[in-house]
Amino acid sequence: MPVRRATRCPVVESFEPVTADYPPTPRLPLLTAAEAREVVRYLFLLEQLDLSPRGAAAGQLASDLARRLPSN
């Protein structure tokens, strides 16, 4: 049985290292806290109105999101 030699992949070696600069100003959040709370309310409403598994999934998502929001 012939012995196979390890070969280098020329494609991988040709890429430059990835470097990036961060923007000097902070980014705005995708949603404000008030908008996120409104989304949670709508998801809980969807859970009550849709008795299918999708409604249950909306309620689970609402619970997960609500736990991540600030309490104020």
C-alpha atoms as a PDB file:
ATOM      1  CA  MET A   1       0.000   0.000   0.000  1.00  0.00           C
ATOM      2  CA  PRO A   2       1.527   3.385  -0.966  1.00  0.00           C
ATOM      3  CA  VAL A   3       2.179   5.966   1.719  1.00  0.00           C
ATOM      4  CA  ARG A   4       0.414   9.278   1.217  1.00  0.00           C
ATOM      5  CA  ARG A   5       2.299  12.453   1.958  1.00  0.00           C
ATOM      6  CA  ALA A   6       0.673  15.416   3.605  1.00  0.00           C
ATOM      7  CA  THR A   7       0.347  18.289   1.159  1.00  0.00           C
ATOM      8  CA  ARG A   8      -0.228  21.936   1.847  1.00  0.00           C
ATOM      9  CA  CYS A   9      -3.306  23.647   0.582  1.00  0.00           C
ATOM     10  CA  PRO A  10      -2.150  26.596  -1.570  1.00  0.00           C
ATOM     11  CA  VAL A  11      -5.516  28.348  -1.296  1.00  0.00           C
ATOM     12  CA  VAL A  12      -5.433  28.717   2.491  1.00  0.00           C
ATOM     13  CA  GLU A  13      -1.928  30.133   2.515  1.00  0.00           C
ATOM     14  CA  SER A  14      -2.799  32.836  -0.019  1.00  0.00           C
ATOM     15  CA  PHE A  15      -5.294  34.690   2.205  1.00  0.00           C
ATOM     16  CA  GLU A  16      -4.190  37.739   4.149  1.00  0.00           C
ATOM     17  CA  PRO A  17      -4.912  37.834   7.894  1.00  0.00           C
ATOM     18  CA  VAL A  18      -8.217  39.458   8.772  1.00  0.00           C
ATOM     19  CA  THR A  19      -7.860  42.823  10.464  1.00  0.00           C
ATOM     20  CA  ALA A  20     -10.448  45.488  11.166  1.00  0.00           C
ATOM     21  CA  ASP A  21     -10.870  48.784  12.906  1.00  0.00           C
ATOM     22  CA  TYR A  22     -13.767  49.480  15.217  1.00  0.00           C
ATOM     23  CA  PRO A  23     -15.791  52.619  14.516  1.00  0.00           C
ATOM     24  CA  PRO A  24     -14.923  55.544  16.811  1.00  0.00           C
ATOM     25  CA  THR A  25     -18.542  56.170  17.792  1.00  0.00           C
ATOM     26  CA  PRO A  26     -20.652  53.533  19.547  1.00  0.00           C
ATOM     27  CA  ARG A  27     -23.294  51.783  17.483  1.00  0.00           C
ATOM     28  CA  LEU A  28     -26.963  52.257  18.157  1.00  0.00           C
ATOM     29  CA  PRO A  29     -28.855  49.191  19.392  1.00  0.00           C
ATOM     30  CA  LEU A  30     -31.042  47.433  16.860  1.00  0.00           C
ATOM     31  CA  LEU A  31     -34.032  47.912  19.161  1.00  0.00           C
ATOM     32  CA  THR A  32     -34.591  50.271  22.019  1.00  0.00           C
ATOM     33  CA  ALA A  33     -35.673  48.790  25.349  1.00  0.00           C
ATOM     34  CA  ALA A  34     -39.187  50.173  24.820  1.00  0.00           C
ATOM     35  CA  GLU A  35     -39.414  48.557  21.378  1.00  0.00           C
ATOM     36  CA  ALA A  36     -38.173  45.243  22.765  1.00  0.00           C
ATOM     37  CA  ARG A  37     -40.826  45.326  25.521  1.00  0.00           C
ATOM     38  CA  GLU A  38     -43.480  45.990  22.870  1.00  0.00           C
ATOM     39  CA  VAL A  39     -42.264  42.955  20.906  1.00  0.00           C
ATOM     40  CA  VAL A  40     -42.526  40.832  24.058  1.00  0.00           C
ATOM     41  CA  ARG A  41     -46.107  42.042  24.617  1.00  0.00           C
ATOM     42  CA  TYR A  42     -47.055  41.159  21.037  1.00  0.00           C
ATOM     43  CA  LEU A  43     -45.470  37.716  21.351  1.00  0.00           C
ATOM     44  CA  PHE A  44     -47.413  37.015  24.548  1.00  0.00           C
ATOM     45  CA  LEU A  45     -50.595  38.154  22.776  1.00  0.00           C
ATOM     46  CA  LEU A  46     -49.809  35.842  19.865  1.00  0.00           C
ATOM     47  CA  GLU A  47     -49.358  32.982  22.333  1.00  0.00           C
ATOM     48  CA  GLN A  48     -52.888  33.591  23.683  1.00  0.00           C
ATOM     49  CA  LEU A  49     -54.520  33.934  20.256  1.00  0.00           C
ATOM     50  CA  ASP A  50     -52.740  31.103  18.425  1.00  0.00           C
ATOM     51  CA  LEU A  51     -53.378  27.732  20.058  1.00  0.00           C
ATOM     52  CA  SER A  52     -51.084  25.886  17.658  1.00  0.00           C
ATOM     53  CA  PRO A  53     -47.460  24.982  18.445  1.00  0.00           C
ATOM     54  CA  ARG A  54     -46.432  28.280  16.836  1.00  0.00           C
ATOM     55  CA  GLY A  55     -48.334  30.159  19.550  1.00  0.00           C
ATOM     56  CA  ALA A  56     -46.557  28.161  22.223  1.00  0.00           C
ATOM     57  CA  ALA A  57     -43.228  28.908  20.537  1.00  0.00           C
ATOM     58  CA  ALA A  58     -44.089  32.621  20.522  1.00  0.00           C
ATOM     59  CA  GLY A  59     -44.745  32.452  24.267  1.00  0.00           C
ATOM     60  CA  GLN A  60     -41.437  30.695  24.870  1.00  0.00           C
ATOM     61  CA  LEU A  61     -39.603  33.288  22.786  1.00  0.00           C
ATOM     62  CA  ALA A  62     -41.361  36.096  24.676  1.00  0.00           C
ATOM     63  CA  SER A  63     -40.279  34.576  27.993  1.00  0.00           C
ATOM     64  CA  ASP A  64     -36.680  34.228  26.810  1.00  0.00           C
ATOM     65  CA  LEU A  65     -36.581  37.805  25.538  1.00  0.00           C
ATOM     66  CA  ALA A  66     -38.255  39.205  28.655  1.00  0.00           C
ATOM     67  CA  ARG A  67     -35.548  37.639  30.855  1.00  0.00           C
ATOM     68  CA  ARG A  68     -32.875  39.467  28.871  1.00  0.00           C
ATOM     69  CA  LEU A  69     -34.435  42.916  29.156  1.00  0.00           C
ATOM     70  CA  PRO A  70     -33.525  45.326  31.935  1.00  0.00           C
ATOM     71  CA  SER A  71     -36.082  45.355  34.727  1.00  0.00           C
ATOM     72  CA  ASN A  72     -36.662  49.120  34.821  1.00  0.00           C
END
